[in-house]
C-alpha atoms as a PDB file:
ATOM      1  CA  MET A   1       2.293 -34.813 -18.341  1.00  0.00           C
ATOM      2  CA  LYS A   2      -1.187 -33.500 -19.039  1.00  0.00           C
ATOM      3  CA  LYS A   3      -1.713 -29.770 -19.427  1.00  0.00           C
ATOM      4  CA  SER A   4      -4.386 -28.235 -17.265  1.00  0.00           C
ATOM      5  CA  HIS A   5      -7.185 -26.281 -18.822  1.00  0.00           C
ATOM      6  CA  ARG A   6      -7.145 -23.698 -16.070  1.00  0.00           C
ATOM      7  CA  PRO A   7      -5.929 -20.322 -17.362  1.00  0.00           C
ATOM      8  CA  VAL A   8      -2.953 -18.773 -15.648  1.00  0.00           C
ATOM      9  CA  THR A   9      -3.696 -15.373 -14.194  1.00  0.00           C
ATOM     10  CA  ARG A  10      -0.829 -12.992 -14.736  1.00  0.00           C
ATOM     11  CA  VAL A  11      -0.584  -9.990 -12.474  1.00  0.00           C
ATOM     12  CA  LYS A  12       1.042  -6.799 -13.670  1.00  0.00           C
ATOM     13  CA  ASN A  13       3.017  -6.360 -10.441  1.00  0.00           C
ATOM     14  CA  PRO A  14       3.167  -9.727  -8.658  1.00  0.00           C
ATOM     15  CA  GLU A  15       4.070  -9.754  -4.990  1.00  0.00           C
ATOM     16  CA  PRO A  16       7.820 -10.339  -4.525  1.00  0.00           C
ATOM     17  CA  LYS A  17       9.312 -12.618  -1.873  1.00  0.00           C
ATOM     18  CA  MET A  18       8.753 -11.455   1.686  1.00  0.00           C
ATOM     19  CA  GLY A  19      11.799 -10.029   3.432  1.00  0.00           C
ATOM     20  CA  SER A  20      13.494  -8.638   0.348  1.00  0.00           C
ATOM     21  CA  SER A  21      13.849  -4.923  -0.293  1.00  0.00           C
ATOM     22  CA  ASP A  22      11.692  -5.480  -3.390  1.00  0.00           C
ATOM     23  CA  TRP A  23       8.840  -6.524  -1.106  1.00  0.00           C
ATOM     24  CA  VAL A  24       9.262  -3.338   0.949  1.00  0.00           C
ATOM     25  CA  ILE A  25       9.095  -1.241  -2.235  1.00  0.00           C
ATOM     26  CA  TRP A  26       6.071  -3.184  -3.479  1.00  0.00           C
ATOM     27  CA  ALA A  27       4.300  -2.777  -0.133  1.00  0.00           C
ATOM     28  CA  ALA A  28       5.155   0.934   0.022  1.00  0.00           C
ATOM     29  CA  TRP A  29       3.507   1.485  -3.375  1.00  0.00           C
ATOM     30  CA  ALA A  30       0.399  -0.507  -2.365  1.00  0.00           C
ATOM     31  CA  ASP A  31      -2.296   1.762  -0.949  1.00  0.00           C
ATOM     32  CA  ARG A  32      -3.883  -0.723   1.427  1.00  0.00           C
ATOM     33  CA  ILE A  33      -0.651  -1.721   3.200  1.00  0.00           C
ATOM     34  CA  THR A  34       0.106   0.748   5.979  1.00  0.00           C
ATOM     35  CA  PHE A  35       3.524   1.630   7.362  1.00  0.00           C
ATOM     36  CA  GLU A  36       2.519  -0.139  10.568  1.00  0.00           C
ATOM     37  CA  ASP A  37       1.896  -3.364   8.630  1.00  0.00           C
ATOM     38  CA  ILE A  38       5.264  -3.058   6.892  1.00  0.00           C
ATOM     39  CA  GLU A  39       6.969  -2.559  10.243  1.00  0.00           C
ATOM     40  CA  LYS A  40       5.169  -5.582  11.710  1.00  0.00           C
ATOM     41  CA  LYS A  41       6.204  -7.847   8.845  1.00  0.00           C
ATOM     42  CA  THR A  42       9.755  -6.635   8.157  1.00  0.00           C
ATOM     43  CA  GLY A  43      10.805  -4.624  11.218  1.00  0.00           C
ATOM     44  CA  LYS A  44      11.501  -1.539   9.077  1.00  0.00           C
ATOM     45  CA  THR A  45      10.196   1.761  10.396  1.00  0.00           C
ATOM     46  CA  GLU A  46       8.605   4.436   8.238  1.00  0.00           C
ATOM     47  CA  SER A  47      11.867   6.405   8.028  1.00  0.00           C
ATOM     48  CA  GLU A  48      13.769   3.269   6.946  1.00  0.00           C
ATOM     49  CA  VAL A  49      11.156   2.594   4.254  1.00  0.00           C
ATOM     50  CA  ILE A  50      11.547   6.176   3.016  1.00  0.00           C
ATOM     51  CA  LYS A  51      15.323   5.714   2.844  1.00  0.00           C
ATOM     52  CA  ILE A  52      14.924   2.478   0.869  1.00  0.00           C
ATOM     53  CA  MET A  53      12.514   4.173  -1.525  1.00  0.00           C
ATOM     54  CA  ARG A  54      14.838   7.161  -1.961  1.00  0.00           C
ATOM     55  CA  ARG A  55      17.765   4.834  -2.722  1.00  0.00           C
ATOM     56  CA  SER A  56      15.873   2.517  -5.072  1.00  0.00           C
ATOM     57  CA  LEU A  57      13.645   4.820  -7.101  1.00  0.00           C
ATOM     58  CA  LYS A  58      14.428   7.476  -9.638  1.00  0.00           C
ATOM     59  CA  PRO A  59      14.174  10.989  -8.153  1.00  0.00           C
ATOM     60  CA  SER A  60      10.972  11.769 -10.058  1.00  0.00           C
ATOM     61  CA  SER A  61       9.368   8.472  -8.989  1.00  0.00           C
ATOM     62  CA  PHE A  62      10.340   9.098  -5.381  1.00  0.00           C
ATOM     63  CA  ARG A  63       8.793  12.589  -5.449  1.00  0.00           C
ATOM     64  CA  LEU A  64       5.617  11.140  -6.959  1.00  0.00           C
ATOM     65  CA  TRP A  65       5.453   8.453  -4.265  1.00  0.00           C
ATOM     66  CA  ARG A  66       6.047  10.949  -1.419  1.00  0.00           C
ATOM     67  CA  LYS A  67       3.357  13.264  -2.762  1.00  0.00           C
ATOM     68  CA  ARG A  68       0.944  10.350  -2.987  1.00  0.00           C
ATOM     69  CA  VAL A  69       1.738   9.089   0.520  1.00  0.00           C
ATOM     70  CA  ASN A  70       1.462  12.517   2.144  1.00  0.00           C
ATOM     71  CA  SER A  71      -1.710  13.721   0.461  1.00  0.00           C
ATOM     72  CA  GLN A  72      -4.296  11.179  -0.618  1.00  0.00           C
ATOM     73  CA  SER A  73      -2.929   7.827   0.435  1.00  0.00           C
ATOM     74  CA  ILE A  74      -3.929   6.008   3.595  1.00  0.00           C
ATOM     75  CA  LYS A  75      -0.485   4.706   4.468  1.00  0.00           C
ATOM     76  CA  HIS A  76      -0.915   5.559   8.145  1.00  0.00           C
ATOM     77  CA  ARG A  77      -3.293   3.569  10.313  1.00  0.00           C
ATOM     78  CA  LYS A  78      -4.863   6.727  11.823  1.00  0.00           C
ATOM     79  CA  LYS A  79      -5.633   8.198   8.397  1.00  0.00           C
ATOM     80  CA  PHE A  80      -7.055   4.859   7.272  1.00  0.00           C
ATOM     81  CA  GLU A  81      -9.331   4.519  10.291  1.00  0.00           C
ATOM     82  CA  TYR A  82     -10.434   8.163   9.994  1.00  0.00           C
ATOM     83  CA  SER A  83     -11.330   7.753   6.320  1.00  0.00           C
ATOM     84  CA  ARG A  84     -13.317   4.593   7.125  1.00  0.00           C
ATOM     85  CA  LYS A  85     -15.269   6.490   9.813  1.00  0.00           C
ATOM     86  CA  LEU A  86     -16.103   9.238   7.322  1.00  0.00           C
ATOM     87  CA  ILE A  87     -17.370   6.702   4.803  1.00  0.00           C
ATOM     88  CA  ARG A  88     -19.496   4.960   7.432  1.00  0.00           C
ATOM     89  CA  SER A  89     -21.009   8.241   8.637  1.00  0.00           C
ATOM     90  CA  LYS A  90     -21.910   9.227   5.057  1.00  0.00           C
ATOM     91  CA  ILE A  91     -23.612   5.897   4.512  1.00  0.00           C
ATOM     92  CA  LYS A  92     -25.622   6.272   7.731  1.00  0.00           C
ATOM     93  CA  LYS A  93     -26.678   9.811   6.799  1.00  0.00           C
ATOM     94  CA  GLU A  94     -27.873   8.613   3.385  1.00  0.00           C
ATOM     95  CA  GLU A  95     -29.993   5.922   5.067  1.00  0.00           C
ATOM     96  CA  TYR A  96     -31.742   8.559   7.191  1.00  0.00           C
ATOM     97  CA  LEU A  97     -32.408  10.790   4.203  1.00  0.00           C
ATOM     98  CA  ASP A  98     -34.320   8.075   2.326  1.00  0.00           C
END
């Protein structure tokens, strides 16, 4: 069998199989995947995801994740949409200033 010359791209944290608790943990750490998306794909609510994370992570990692989700992350659809509106309004203001 002939080897291909195409390089294999290795990802640091590849996406696990959908439906496993590993996928839920992976999706919870990802910034662009909201809790609503996780619920749509797996049927797990935000509180269930928090319970899975609490069970699976070390206490310090869980605290770090919760701090990240509550403060700067856009894990909720409303926060995500609000942040996008702010970015769009800043861009429009900069266009007027030029």
